[in-house]
Amino acid sequence: MSPRVYILALWLRLWHWTNAFLIIIQTITGLSLHFARPGAFLMDFSLARGLHYFCGACLCVTYGVYVVGNIVSGNWHQITPTLKGFLGRAAKQARYYAYGMFKGETDPFPPTPEQNLNPLEQITFWILMYLVVPVLLLTGLMFMFPQFTPDTLWGVDGLLPIAVAHYAMAFIIICFMALHVYFATTGDTLFSMVKMMLTGWHEPEEHP
C-alpha cells in the first residue's frame, strides 16, 4: 500500500470551500437579477441584489486572501505552468481524460506535494484566477459603484460593455464549476478527490 501524502494546506482548503459557497450564491442571485420579474422563480429582486452585492464584496476579500496566501506560502507556482514542454504534457493529460482514464490507465501527472495540479489544471486555474476572476470582480465593483464609471464607452452607455464583460466572465466561471464538479468525481473512487479537498491528504492509487 503506497503511503498517503499531504497535498493541500488548511488555508487553501478553507479558501476553496468558502469560494465555492460564495460562487454558488452569486450564481443563484445573478440569475435572479438577470431574469427579474414579478413572482421571480428564484428569489425576490431586492433580496437577490443585497445578497449579490454582499457576496461579491466577500469574493473580493477571499480573492485578496488567495493572492496574498499564494505569495506568502509559495503556492503560486502550483498554478503557474512551466512553458518548456507544456504542449506535450498537456496533450498527454488530454489523452488521459479523453481515453486513458476510461481504460484504467494511470494518471500521467498524479498529485504530489511539489506539484498537485496537472498541466491542464494549471493553465485553466492560471487563466481563471489571474484573468477571468479579476475582470469579474472589477466589473462587479463598477456595478456597485456606477458613479465611478464613464457615462459612455465606445459610443454606448458606459455600463453596457461592463455588463457584457461581467456576464461573459460569470458564464465562464459557471461552466468551469460544472466541469470542476465532474472532474472531482474522476479519482480512484467517486469521492476520493472531494475527500482530499476536505482533509488535505492524497492516497495514491494502487495498480496491479
N, C-alpha and C. Protein backbone atom coordinates (compact mmCIF):
# COMPACT_ATOMS: atom_id res chain seq x y z
N MET A 1 0.85 -1.20 0.00
CA MET A 1 0.00 0.00 0.00
C MET A 1 0.87 1.24 0.00
N SER A 2 0.71 2.10 -1.00
CA SER A 2 1.50 3.32 -1.06
C SER A 2 1.11 4.27 0.06
N PRO A 3 2.08 4.98 0.63
CA PRO A 3 1.75 5.90 1.72
C PRO A 3 0.96 7.10 1.22
N ARG A 4 0.06 7.57 2.04
CA ARG A 4 -0.66 8.77 1.65
C ARG A 4 0.24 9.98 1.87
N VAL A 5 0.00 11.05 1.10
CA VAL A 5 0.84 12.23 1.17
C VAL A 5 -0.04 13.46 1.40
N TYR A 6 0.50 14.40 2.16
CA TYR A 6 -0.25 15.63 2.47
C TYR A 6 -0.05 16.61 1.33
N ILE A 7 -1.14 17.00 0.67
CA ILE A 7 -1.07 17.78 -0.55
C ILE A 7 -1.53 19.23 -0.35
N LEU A 8 -2.67 19.41 0.32
CA LEU A 8 -3.33 20.71 0.35
C LEU A 8 -3.34 21.30 1.75
N ALA A 9 -2.78 22.50 1.89
CA ALA A 9 -2.72 23.18 3.18
C ALA A 9 -4.12 23.58 3.64
N LEU A 10 -4.28 23.75 4.94
CA LEU A 10 -5.58 24.08 5.51
C LEU A 10 -6.12 25.40 4.96
N TRP A 11 -5.27 26.41 4.85
CA TRP A 11 -5.76 27.72 4.39
C TRP A 11 -6.32 27.62 2.97
N LEU A 12 -5.69 26.78 2.14
CA LEU A 12 -6.14 26.63 0.76
C LEU A 12 -7.48 25.89 0.70
N ARG A 13 -7.65 24.90 1.57
CA ARG A 13 -8.91 24.17 1.58
C ARG A 13 -10.05 25.06 2.09
N LEU A 14 -9.78 25.83 3.13
CA LEU A 14 -10.80 26.76 3.64
C LEU A 14 -11.19 27.78 2.57
N TRP A 15 -10.17 28.29 1.87
CA TRP A 15 -10.45 29.25 0.79
C TRP A 15 -11.30 28.59 -0.29
N HIS A 16 -10.96 27.37 -0.67
CA HIS A 16 -11.67 26.68 -1.74
C HIS A 16 -13.16 26.53 -1.43
N TRP A 17 -13.48 26.02 -0.22
CA TRP A 17 -14.88 25.77 0.10
C TRP A 17 -15.65 27.06 0.33
N THR A 18 -14.99 28.07 0.90
CA THR A 18 -15.64 29.38 1.06
C THR A 18 -15.95 29.98 -0.29
N ASN A 19 -14.96 29.90 -1.19
CA ASN A 19 -15.14 30.44 -2.53
C ASN A 19 -16.25 29.71 -3.28
N ALA A 20 -16.28 28.39 -3.14
CA ALA A 20 -17.31 27.60 -3.82
C ALA A 20 -18.70 28.01 -3.34
N PHE A 21 -18.86 28.17 -2.02
CA PHE A 21 -20.15 28.58 -1.47
C PHE A 21 -20.57 29.95 -1.99
N LEU A 22 -19.63 30.89 -2.00
CA LEU A 22 -19.95 32.24 -2.46
C LEU A 22 -20.33 32.26 -3.93
N ILE A 23 -19.64 31.47 -4.74
CA ILE A 23 -19.93 31.45 -6.18
C ILE A 23 -21.30 30.83 -6.44
N ILE A 24 -21.67 29.81 -5.67
CA ILE A 24 -23.00 29.23 -5.83
C ILE A 24 -24.07 30.26 -5.51
N ILE A 25 -23.88 31.00 -4.41
CA ILE A 25 -24.84 32.07 -4.06
C ILE A 25 -24.87 33.13 -5.15
N GLN A 26 -23.69 33.50 -5.68
CA GLN A 26 -23.63 34.50 -6.74
C GLN A 26 -24.33 34.02 -8.00
N THR A 27 -24.23 32.75 -8.30
CA THR A 27 -24.91 32.21 -9.48
C THR A 27 -26.42 32.29 -9.33
N ILE A 28 -26.91 31.90 -8.16
CA ILE A 28 -28.36 31.92 -7.92
C ILE A 28 -28.88 33.36 -7.92
N THR A 29 -28.21 34.23 -7.21
CA THR A 29 -28.68 35.63 -7.15
C THR A 29 -28.49 36.34 -8.49
N GLY A 30 -27.40 36.00 -9.20
CA GLY A 30 -27.18 36.63 -10.50
C GLY A 30 -28.26 36.26 -11.50
N LEU A 31 -28.67 34.99 -11.49
CA LEU A 31 -29.76 34.57 -12.37
C LEU A 31 -31.07 35.24 -11.97
N SER A 32 -31.26 35.40 -10.67
CA SER A 32 -32.48 36.08 -10.19
C SER A 32 -32.52 37.52 -10.66
N LEU A 33 -31.38 38.19 -10.64
CA LEU A 33 -31.32 39.58 -11.10
C LEU A 33 -31.48 39.68 -12.61
N HIS A 34 -30.87 38.76 -13.33
CA HIS A 34 -30.92 38.81 -14.79
C HIS A 34 -32.33 38.54 -15.31
N PHE A 35 -33.02 37.61 -14.66
CA PHE A 35 -34.38 37.26 -15.10
C PHE A 35 -35.43 37.81 -14.13
N ALA A 36 -35.14 38.99 -13.57
CA ALA A 36 -36.06 39.59 -12.58
C ALA A 36 -37.41 39.90 -13.21
N ARG A 37 -38.45 39.57 -12.47
CA ARG A 37 -39.82 39.87 -12.88
C ARG A 37 -40.72 39.65 -11.67
N PRO A 38 -41.93 40.13 -11.67
CA PRO A 38 -42.84 39.86 -10.55
C PRO A 38 -43.02 38.36 -10.36
N GLY A 39 -42.90 37.91 -9.13
CA GLY A 39 -43.02 36.49 -8.85
C GLY A 39 -41.85 35.69 -9.39
N ALA A 40 -40.65 36.26 -9.31
CA ALA A 40 -39.45 35.59 -9.83
C ALA A 40 -39.33 34.18 -9.28
N PHE A 41 -38.84 33.27 -10.13
CA PHE A 41 -38.84 31.85 -9.75
C PHE A 41 -37.73 31.50 -8.77
N LEU A 42 -36.73 32.38 -8.57
CA LEU A 42 -35.65 32.05 -7.65
C LEU A 42 -35.78 32.81 -6.34
N MET A 43 -35.71 34.13 -6.39
CA MET A 43 -35.88 34.92 -5.17
C MET A 43 -36.24 36.35 -5.51
N ASP A 44 -36.72 37.07 -4.51
CA ASP A 44 -37.13 38.46 -4.69
C ASP A 44 -35.94 39.31 -5.15
N PHE A 45 -36.23 40.30 -6.00
CA PHE A 45 -35.17 41.12 -6.60
C PHE A 45 -34.33 41.82 -5.54
N SER A 46 -34.98 42.44 -4.57
CA SER A 46 -34.22 43.20 -3.57
C SER A 46 -33.33 42.30 -2.72
N LEU A 47 -33.83 41.11 -2.39
CA LEU A 47 -33.02 40.15 -1.63
C LEU A 47 -31.85 39.67 -2.48
N ALA A 48 -32.13 39.36 -3.75
CA ALA A 48 -31.08 38.89 -4.64
C ALA A 48 -29.99 39.96 -4.81
N ARG A 49 -30.40 41.20 -4.97
CA ARG A 49 -29.42 42.28 -5.15
C ARG A 49 -28.56 42.44 -3.89
N GLY A 50 -29.20 42.43 -2.72
CA GLY A 50 -28.44 42.57 -1.48
C GLY A 50 -27.45 41.45 -1.28
N LEU A 51 -27.90 40.20 -1.51
CA LEU A 51 -27.00 39.06 -1.36
C LEU A 51 -25.88 39.08 -2.40
N HIS A 52 -26.24 39.48 -3.62
CA HIS A 52 -25.25 39.51 -4.69
C HIS A 52 -24.14 40.52 -4.37
N TYR A 53 -24.53 41.70 -3.89
CA TYR A 53 -23.54 42.72 -3.54
C TYR A 53 -22.69 42.26 -2.35
N PHE A 54 -23.35 41.69 -1.34
CA PHE A 54 -22.61 41.27 -0.14
C PHE A 54 -21.62 40.15 -0.46
N CYS A 55 -22.10 39.13 -1.18
CA CYS A 55 -21.22 38.01 -1.52
C CYS A 55 -20.14 38.43 -2.52
N GLY A 56 -20.47 39.41 -3.36
CA GLY A 56 -19.46 39.94 -4.27
C GLY A 56 -18.33 40.61 -3.50
N ALA A 57 -18.69 41.38 -2.46
CA ALA A 57 -17.67 42.01 -1.62
C ALA A 57 -16.84 40.95 -0.90
N CYS A 58 -17.52 39.88 -0.45
CA CYS A 58 -16.80 38.78 0.21
C CYS A 58 -15.83 38.10 -0.75
N LEU A 59 -16.23 37.96 -2.01
CA LEU A 59 -15.35 37.36 -3.01
C LEU A 59 -14.12 38.21 -3.26
N CYS A 60 -14.29 39.53 -3.19
CA CYS A 60 -13.12 40.41 -3.33
C CYS A 60 -12.13 40.16 -2.19
N VAL A 61 -12.67 39.96 -0.99
CA VAL A 61 -11.81 39.70 0.17
C VAL A 61 -11.13 38.34 0.02
N THR A 62 -11.90 37.30 -0.35
CA THR A 62 -11.30 35.96 -0.47
C THR A 62 -10.28 35.92 -1.61
N TYR A 63 -10.51 36.70 -2.66
CA TYR A 63 -9.52 36.75 -3.74
C TYR A 63 -8.23 37.38 -3.24
N GLY A 64 -8.35 38.43 -2.45
CA GLY A 64 -7.17 39.04 -1.86
C GLY A 64 -6.42 38.06 -0.96
N VAL A 65 -7.18 37.29 -0.17
CA VAL A 65 -6.57 36.28 0.69
C VAL A 65 -5.83 35.25 -0.15
N TYR A 66 -6.44 34.85 -1.26
CA TYR A 66 -5.82 33.86 -2.14
C TYR A 66 -4.51 34.37 -2.72
N VAL A 67 -4.51 35.60 -3.22
CA VAL A 67 -3.29 36.16 -3.83
C VAL A 67 -2.18 36.30 -2.79
N VAL A 68 -2.53 36.87 -1.62
CA VAL A 68 -1.53 37.04 -0.56
C VAL A 68 -1.05 35.68 -0.07
N GLY A 69 -1.99 34.74 0.13
CA GLY A 69 -1.62 33.41 0.59
C GLY A 69 -0.70 32.71 -0.39
N ASN A 70 -0.95 32.87 -1.68
CA ASN A 70 -0.08 32.28 -2.69
C ASN A 70 1.33 32.83 -2.61
N ILE A 71 1.44 34.13 -2.41
CA ILE A 71 2.75 34.76 -2.34
C ILE A 71 3.50 34.33 -1.09
N VAL A 72 2.81 34.40 0.05
CA VAL A 72 3.46 34.10 1.33
C VAL A 72 3.86 32.62 1.42
N SER A 73 2.98 31.73 0.96
CA SER A 73 3.23 30.29 1.10
C SER A 73 4.07 29.72 -0.04
N GLY A 74 4.19 30.47 -1.13
CA GLY A 74 4.88 29.94 -2.30
C GLY A 74 3.98 29.07 -3.17
N ASN A 75 2.69 29.03 -2.85
CA ASN A 75 1.76 28.19 -3.60
C ASN A 75 1.54 28.69 -5.03
N TRP A 76 1.97 29.91 -5.32
CA TRP A 76 1.75 30.48 -6.66
C TRP A 76 2.30 29.58 -7.76
N HIS A 77 3.39 28.86 -7.47
CA HIS A 77 4.00 28.04 -8.51
C HIS A 77 3.12 26.85 -8.90
N GLN A 78 2.16 26.49 -8.02
CA GLN A 78 1.31 25.34 -8.32
C GLN A 78 0.43 25.57 -9.55
N ILE A 79 0.00 26.83 -9.77
CA ILE A 79 -0.87 27.09 -10.92
C ILE A 79 -0.13 27.82 -12.04
N THR A 80 1.19 27.89 -11.95
CA THR A 80 1.97 28.55 -12.99
C THR A 80 2.62 27.48 -13.86
N PRO A 81 2.14 27.32 -15.11
CA PRO A 81 2.68 26.26 -15.96
C PRO A 81 4.14 26.53 -16.34
N THR A 82 4.92 25.46 -16.43
CA THR A 82 6.26 25.55 -16.99
C THR A 82 6.13 25.49 -18.50
N LEU A 83 6.61 26.53 -19.19
CA LEU A 83 6.37 26.63 -20.62
C LEU A 83 7.12 25.57 -21.42
N LYS A 84 8.33 25.23 -20.99
CA LYS A 84 9.11 24.25 -21.73
C LYS A 84 8.42 22.88 -21.69
N GLY A 85 8.08 22.39 -22.86
CA GLY A 85 7.42 21.08 -22.96
C GLY A 85 5.96 21.08 -22.55
N PHE A 86 5.36 22.27 -22.38
CA PHE A 86 3.98 22.33 -21.87
C PHE A 86 3.00 21.65 -22.82
N LEU A 87 3.11 21.92 -24.13
CA LEU A 87 2.14 21.38 -25.07
C LEU A 87 2.15 19.85 -25.06
N GLY A 88 3.34 19.26 -24.95
CA GLY A 88 3.42 17.80 -24.90
C GLY A 88 2.77 17.24 -23.65
N ARG A 89 3.02 17.88 -22.50
CA ARG A 89 2.42 17.42 -21.25
C ARG A 89 0.92 17.61 -21.27
N ALA A 90 0.46 18.73 -21.82
CA ALA A 90 -0.98 18.99 -21.90
C ALA A 90 -1.68 17.98 -22.80
N ALA A 91 -1.03 17.63 -23.92
CA ALA A 91 -1.61 16.63 -24.82
C ALA A 91 -1.69 15.27 -24.15
N LYS A 92 -0.67 14.94 -23.38
CA LYS A 92 -0.66 13.66 -22.65
C LYS A 92 -1.80 13.60 -21.65
N GLN A 93 -2.02 14.71 -20.93
CA GLN A 93 -3.11 14.74 -19.95
C GLN A 93 -4.46 14.72 -20.64
N ALA A 94 -4.58 15.43 -21.77
CA ALA A 94 -5.84 15.45 -22.52
C ALA A 94 -6.19 14.05 -23.02
N ARG A 95 -5.17 13.31 -23.47
CA ARG A 95 -5.41 11.94 -23.91
C ARG A 95 -5.91 11.09 -22.76
N TYR A 96 -5.33 11.29 -21.58
CA TYR A 96 -5.77 10.53 -20.41
C TYR A 96 -7.23 10.82 -20.09
N TYR A 97 -7.62 12.09 -20.10
CA TYR A 97 -9.00 12.46 -19.81
C TYR A 97 -9.97 11.92 -20.86
N ALA A 98 -9.55 11.96 -22.12
CA ALA A 98 -10.45 11.56 -23.21
C ALA A 98 -10.52 10.05 -23.40
N TYR A 99 -9.46 9.34 -23.00
CA TYR A 99 -9.41 7.91 -23.31
C TYR A 99 -8.84 7.07 -22.17
N GLY A 100 -7.66 7.48 -21.68
CA GLY A 100 -6.92 6.64 -20.74
C GLY A 100 -7.65 6.31 -19.46
N MET A 101 -8.30 7.30 -18.85
CA MET A 101 -8.93 7.03 -17.55
C MET A 101 -10.11 6.07 -17.67
N PHE A 102 -10.70 5.99 -18.88
CA PHE A 102 -11.81 5.05 -19.08
C PHE A 102 -11.29 3.63 -19.32
N LYS A 103 -9.98 3.52 -19.57
CA LYS A 103 -9.35 2.21 -19.79
C LYS A 103 -8.57 1.75 -18.56
N GLY A 104 -8.65 2.51 -17.46
CA GLY A 104 -7.96 2.12 -16.25
C GLY A 104 -6.49 2.47 -16.22
N GLU A 105 -6.05 3.38 -17.11
CA GLU A 105 -4.64 3.78 -17.14
C GLU A 105 -4.31 4.66 -15.94
N THR A 106 -3.03 4.75 -15.61
CA THR A 106 -2.58 5.59 -14.51
C THR A 106 -2.52 7.05 -14.94
N ASP A 107 -2.96 7.93 -14.07
CA ASP A 107 -2.88 9.37 -14.33
C ASP A 107 -1.42 9.74 -14.60
N PRO A 108 -1.11 10.37 -15.75
CA PRO A 108 0.29 10.69 -16.05
C PRO A 108 0.90 11.74 -15.13
N PHE A 109 0.06 12.53 -14.48
CA PHE A 109 0.56 13.56 -13.58
C PHE A 109 -0.24 13.54 -12.27
N PRO A 110 -0.03 12.52 -11.44
CA PRO A 110 -0.78 12.43 -10.18
C PRO A 110 -0.34 13.53 -9.22
N PRO A 111 -1.20 13.92 -8.29
CA PRO A 111 -0.84 14.99 -7.34
C PRO A 111 0.33 14.60 -6.46
N THR A 112 1.23 15.53 -6.26
CA THR A 112 2.35 15.36 -5.33
C THR A 112 2.48 16.64 -4.52
N PRO A 113 3.18 16.62 -3.40
CA PRO A 113 3.38 17.86 -2.63
C PRO A 113 4.07 18.96 -3.45
N GLU A 114 4.95 18.52 -4.37
CA GLU A 114 5.68 19.50 -5.19
C GLU A 114 4.82 20.06 -6.32
N GLN A 115 3.91 19.25 -6.86
CA GLN A 115 3.06 19.68 -7.95
C GLN A 115 1.73 18.97 -7.87
N ASN A 116 0.73 19.65 -7.31
CA ASN A 116 -0.56 18.97 -7.10
C ASN A 116 -1.57 19.21 -8.21
N LEU A 117 -1.18 19.93 -9.27
CA LEU A 117 -2.07 20.15 -10.41
C LEU A 117 -1.40 19.63 -11.67
N ASN A 118 -2.18 19.00 -12.54
CA ASN A 118 -1.64 18.56 -13.82
C ASN A 118 -1.57 19.74 -14.80
N PRO A 119 -0.93 19.58 -15.96
CA PRO A 119 -0.75 20.72 -16.88
C PRO A 119 -2.05 21.41 -17.30
N LEU A 120 -3.09 20.64 -17.58
CA LEU A 120 -4.35 21.25 -17.99
C LEU A 120 -5.00 22.01 -16.83
N GLU A 121 -4.89 21.47 -15.63
CA GLU A 121 -5.41 22.17 -14.46
C GLU A 121 -4.63 23.46 -14.23
N GLN A 122 -3.33 23.41 -14.41
CA GLN A 122 -2.51 24.60 -14.19
C GLN A 122 -2.93 25.74 -15.10
N ILE A 123 -2.99 25.49 -16.40
CA ILE A 123 -3.31 26.58 -17.34
C ILE A 123 -4.74 27.06 -17.13
N THR A 124 -5.65 26.14 -16.79
CA THR A 124 -7.04 26.53 -16.54
C THR A 124 -7.14 27.42 -15.31
N PHE A 125 -6.51 27.00 -14.20
CA PHE A 125 -6.56 27.79 -12.98
C PHE A 125 -5.83 29.13 -13.14
N TRP A 126 -4.72 29.13 -13.90
CA TRP A 126 -3.99 30.38 -14.11
C TRP A 126 -4.87 31.40 -14.83
N ILE A 127 -5.50 30.97 -15.93
CA ILE A 127 -6.38 31.87 -16.68
C ILE A 127 -7.55 32.32 -15.82
N LEU A 128 -8.12 31.38 -15.08
CA LEU A 128 -9.28 31.70 -14.25
C LEU A 128 -8.93 32.71 -13.15
N MET A 129 -7.86 32.42 -12.39
CA MET A 129 -7.55 33.22 -11.22
C MET A 129 -6.86 34.54 -11.53
N TYR A 130 -6.14 34.61 -12.64
CA TYR A 130 -5.39 35.83 -12.93
C TYR A 130 -5.95 36.65 -14.08
N LEU A 131 -6.95 36.11 -14.78
CA LEU A 131 -7.58 36.88 -15.85
C LEU A 131 -9.10 36.99 -15.66
N VAL A 132 -9.78 35.84 -15.56
CA VAL A 132 -11.24 35.85 -15.51
C VAL A 132 -11.76 36.46 -14.21
N VAL A 133 -11.29 35.97 -13.07
CA VAL A 133 -11.80 36.46 -11.78
C VAL A 133 -11.53 37.95 -11.58
N PRO A 134 -10.33 38.47 -11.87
CA PRO A 134 -10.13 39.92 -11.71
C PRO A 134 -11.10 40.76 -12.54
N VAL A 135 -11.36 40.34 -13.79
CA VAL A 135 -12.32 41.07 -14.63
C VAL A 135 -13.71 40.98 -14.04
N LEU A 136 -14.09 39.79 -13.58
CA LEU A 136 -15.41 39.63 -12.96
C LEU A 136 -15.58 40.55 -11.76
N LEU A 137 -14.59 40.57 -10.87
CA LEU A 137 -14.68 41.38 -9.66
C LEU A 137 -14.66 42.86 -9.98
N LEU A 138 -13.80 43.27 -10.91
CA LEU A 138 -13.71 44.68 -11.27
C LEU A 138 -15.01 45.18 -11.87
N THR A 139 -15.58 44.41 -12.80
CA THR A 139 -16.84 44.83 -13.41
C THR A 139 -17.97 44.80 -12.39
N GLY A 140 -17.92 43.85 -11.44
CA GLY A 140 -18.93 43.82 -10.38
C GLY A 140 -18.86 45.06 -9.51
N LEU A 141 -17.65 45.48 -9.18
CA LEU A 141 -17.48 46.70 -8.38
C LEU A 141 -17.99 47.92 -9.13
N MET A 142 -17.83 47.91 -10.45
CA MET A 142 -18.34 49.04 -11.24
C MET A 142 -19.86 49.09 -11.20
N PHE A 143 -20.51 47.93 -11.14
CA PHE A 143 -21.95 47.90 -10.99
C PHE A 143 -22.36 48.41 -9.60
N MET A 144 -21.58 48.06 -8.59
CA MET A 144 -21.90 48.50 -7.23
C MET A 144 -21.71 50.01 -7.07
N PHE A 145 -20.76 50.56 -7.80
CA PHE A 145 -20.46 51.99 -7.69
C PHE A 145 -20.46 52.62 -9.09
N PRO A 146 -21.64 52.69 -9.72
CA PRO A 146 -21.72 53.19 -11.10
C PRO A 146 -21.31 54.65 -11.25
N GLN A 147 -21.27 55.40 -10.13
CA GLN A 147 -20.87 56.80 -10.22
C GLN A 147 -19.41 56.95 -10.63
N PHE A 148 -18.64 55.86 -10.52
CA PHE A 148 -17.23 55.92 -10.89
C PHE A 148 -16.96 55.38 -12.30
N THR A 149 -18.03 55.01 -13.00
CA THR A 149 -17.87 54.52 -14.37
C THR A 149 -18.12 55.65 -15.36
N PRO A 150 -17.51 55.62 -16.53
CA PRO A 150 -17.73 56.68 -17.53
C PRO A 150 -19.16 56.65 -18.04
N ASP A 151 -19.65 57.80 -18.47
CA ASP A 151 -21.01 57.88 -19.00
C ASP A 151 -21.16 57.09 -20.29
N THR A 152 -20.11 57.11 -21.11
CA THR A 152 -20.14 56.37 -22.36
C THR A 152 -18.82 55.63 -22.57
N LEU A 153 -18.90 54.51 -23.25
CA LEU A 153 -17.71 53.75 -23.65
C LEU A 153 -17.92 53.27 -25.07
N TRP A 154 -17.00 53.65 -25.96
CA TRP A 154 -17.09 53.27 -27.37
C TRP A 154 -18.45 53.63 -27.98
N GLY A 155 -18.96 54.78 -27.57
CA GLY A 155 -20.18 55.30 -28.17
C GLY A 155 -21.48 54.73 -27.63
N VAL A 156 -21.40 53.91 -26.57
CA VAL A 156 -22.62 53.36 -25.97
C VAL A 156 -22.63 53.69 -24.49
N ASP A 157 -23.76 53.41 -23.84
CA ASP A 157 -23.86 53.64 -22.40
C ASP A 157 -22.70 52.96 -21.67
N GLY A 158 -22.09 53.68 -20.73
CA GLY A 158 -20.88 53.20 -20.08
C GLY A 158 -21.03 51.85 -19.39
N LEU A 159 -22.22 51.54 -18.91
CA LEU A 159 -22.41 50.28 -18.20
C LEU A 159 -22.64 49.08 -19.12
N LEU A 160 -22.95 49.33 -20.40
CA LEU A 160 -23.25 48.22 -21.30
C LEU A 160 -22.02 47.32 -21.53
N PRO A 161 -20.86 47.86 -21.93
CA PRO A 161 -19.69 46.97 -22.09
C PRO A 161 -19.29 46.30 -20.78
N ILE A 162 -19.47 46.99 -19.68
CA ILE A 162 -19.15 46.42 -18.37
C ILE A 162 -20.08 45.25 -18.08
N ALA A 163 -21.37 45.42 -18.40
CA ALA A 163 -22.33 44.35 -18.19
C ALA A 163 -22.00 43.13 -19.05
N VAL A 164 -21.65 43.36 -20.31
CA VAL A 164 -21.31 42.26 -21.22
C VAL A 164 -20.09 41.50 -20.69
N ALA A 165 -19.06 42.24 -20.26
CA ALA A 165 -17.85 41.61 -19.72
C ALA A 165 -18.16 40.82 -18.45
N HIS A 166 -19.01 41.41 -17.59
CA HIS A 166 -19.37 40.74 -16.33
C HIS A 166 -20.12 39.44 -16.60
N TYR A 167 -21.09 39.49 -17.51
CA TYR A 167 -21.86 38.29 -17.84
C TYR A 167 -20.96 37.23 -18.48
N ALA A 168 -20.06 37.66 -19.36
CA ALA A 168 -19.18 36.71 -20.04
C ALA A 168 -18.27 36.00 -19.04
N MET A 169 -17.70 36.75 -18.10
CA MET A 169 -16.83 36.13 -17.10
C MET A 169 -17.63 35.21 -16.17
N ALA A 170 -18.84 35.62 -15.82
CA ALA A 170 -19.69 34.79 -14.97
C ALA A 170 -20.04 33.48 -15.68
N PHE A 171 -20.32 33.57 -16.99
CA PHE A 171 -20.64 32.36 -17.77
C PHE A 171 -19.45 31.40 -17.78
N ILE A 172 -18.25 31.94 -17.95
CA ILE A 172 -17.04 31.11 -17.95
C ILE A 172 -16.88 30.40 -16.61
N ILE A 173 -17.12 31.12 -15.53
CA ILE A 173 -16.95 30.53 -14.20
C ILE A 173 -18.01 29.47 -13.93
N ILE A 174 -19.24 29.70 -14.38
CA ILE A 174 -20.30 28.70 -14.20
C ILE A 174 -19.95 27.42 -14.97
N CYS A 175 -19.45 27.59 -16.20
CA CYS A 175 -19.03 26.42 -16.99
C CYS A 175 -17.88 25.70 -16.29
N PHE A 176 -16.93 26.47 -15.75
CA PHE A 176 -15.81 25.87 -15.04
C PHE A 176 -16.30 25.09 -13.82
N MET A 177 -17.25 25.64 -13.09
CA MET A 177 -17.77 24.97 -11.90
C MET A 177 -18.37 23.62 -12.27
N ALA A 178 -19.13 23.59 -13.38
CA ALA A 178 -19.75 22.34 -13.80
C ALA A 178 -18.68 21.30 -14.14
N LEU A 179 -17.65 21.71 -14.89
CA LEU A 179 -16.57 20.79 -15.25
C LEU A 179 -15.77 20.38 -14.01
N HIS A 180 -15.59 21.33 -13.11
CA HIS A 180 -14.83 21.07 -11.88
C HIS A 180 -15.50 19.98 -11.05
N VAL A 181 -16.82 20.06 -10.95
CA VAL A 181 -17.57 19.04 -10.20
C VAL A 181 -17.43 17.69 -10.89
N TYR A 182 -17.51 17.68 -12.23
CA TYR A 182 -17.37 16.41 -12.95
C TYR A 182 -15.99 15.80 -12.71
N PHE A 183 -14.92 16.58 -12.90
CA PHE A 183 -13.57 16.04 -12.75
C PHE A 183 -13.27 15.66 -11.31
N ALA A 184 -14.00 16.24 -10.36
CA ALA A 184 -13.82 15.86 -8.96
C ALA A 184 -14.30 14.43 -8.70
N THR A 185 -15.06 13.87 -9.65
CA THR A 185 -15.56 12.50 -9.48
C THR A 185 -14.70 11.48 -10.22
N THR A 186 -13.59 11.92 -10.83
CA THR A 186 -12.80 11.01 -11.67
C THR A 186 -11.59 10.43 -10.95
N GLY A 187 -11.58 10.48 -9.62
CA GLY A 187 -10.48 9.89 -8.86
C GLY A 187 -10.63 8.38 -8.76
N ASP A 188 -9.90 7.78 -7.82
CA ASP A 188 -9.96 6.33 -7.63
C ASP A 188 -11.37 5.87 -7.29
N THR A 189 -12.05 6.67 -6.49
CA THR A 189 -13.46 6.41 -6.16
C THR A 189 -14.23 7.69 -6.45
N LEU A 190 -15.54 7.60 -6.34
CA LEU A 190 -16.39 8.73 -6.70
C LEU A 190 -16.06 9.98 -5.89
N PHE A 191 -15.70 9.78 -4.61
CA PHE A 191 -15.49 10.94 -3.74
C PHE A 191 -14.06 11.06 -3.22
N SER A 192 -13.10 10.35 -3.81
CA SER A 192 -11.74 10.39 -3.28
C SER A 192 -11.11 11.79 -3.42
N MET A 193 -11.39 12.50 -4.51
CA MET A 193 -10.84 13.84 -4.68
C MET A 193 -11.52 14.84 -3.76
N VAL A 194 -12.81 14.64 -3.55
CA VAL A 194 -13.52 15.51 -2.61
C VAL A 194 -12.96 15.31 -1.21
N LYS A 195 -12.69 14.07 -0.86
CA LYS A 195 -12.09 13.76 0.45
C LYS A 195 -10.73 14.43 0.58
N MET A 196 -9.93 14.44 -0.51
CA MET A 196 -8.62 15.09 -0.46
C MET A 196 -8.78 16.59 -0.21
N MET A 197 -9.79 17.20 -0.83
CA MET A 197 -10.00 18.63 -0.63
C MET A 197 -10.53 18.93 0.77
N LEU A 198 -11.11 17.95 1.43
CA LEU A 198 -11.58 18.13 2.80
C LEU A 198 -10.46 17.90 3.82
N THR A 199 -9.64 16.89 3.59
CA THR A 199 -8.61 16.51 4.57
C THR A 199 -7.22 17.01 4.23
N GLY A 200 -6.96 17.24 2.94
CA GLY A 200 -5.63 17.65 2.51
C GLY A 200 -4.74 16.49 2.14
N TRP A 201 -5.18 15.25 2.41
CA TRP A 201 -4.34 14.07 2.17
C TRP A 201 -4.73 13.37 0.86
N HIS A 202 -3.71 12.99 0.09
CA HIS A 202 -3.93 12.23 -1.14
C HIS A 202 -3.41 10.81 -0.93
N GLU A 203 -4.25 9.83 -1.25
CA GLU A 203 -3.87 8.44 -1.14
C GLU A 203 -3.63 7.91 -2.55
N PRO A 204 -2.36 7.70 -2.95
CA PRO A 204 -2.05 7.25 -4.30
C PRO A 204 -2.78 5.96 -4.65
N GLU A 205 -3.27 5.90 -5.89
CA GLU A 205 -3.99 4.70 -6.30
C GLU A 205 -3.05 3.55 -6.51
N GLU A 206 -3.57 2.37 -6.30
CA GLU A 206 -2.78 1.16 -6.47
C GLU A 206 -3.19 0.49 -7.78
N HIS A 207 -2.19 0.08 -8.53
CA HIS A 207 -2.45 -0.65 -9.78
C HIS A 207 -1.75 -2.00 -9.73
N PRO A 208 -2.39 -3.02 -10.20
CA PRO A 208 -1.77 -4.35 -10.19
C PRO A 208 -0.57 -4.42 -11.13
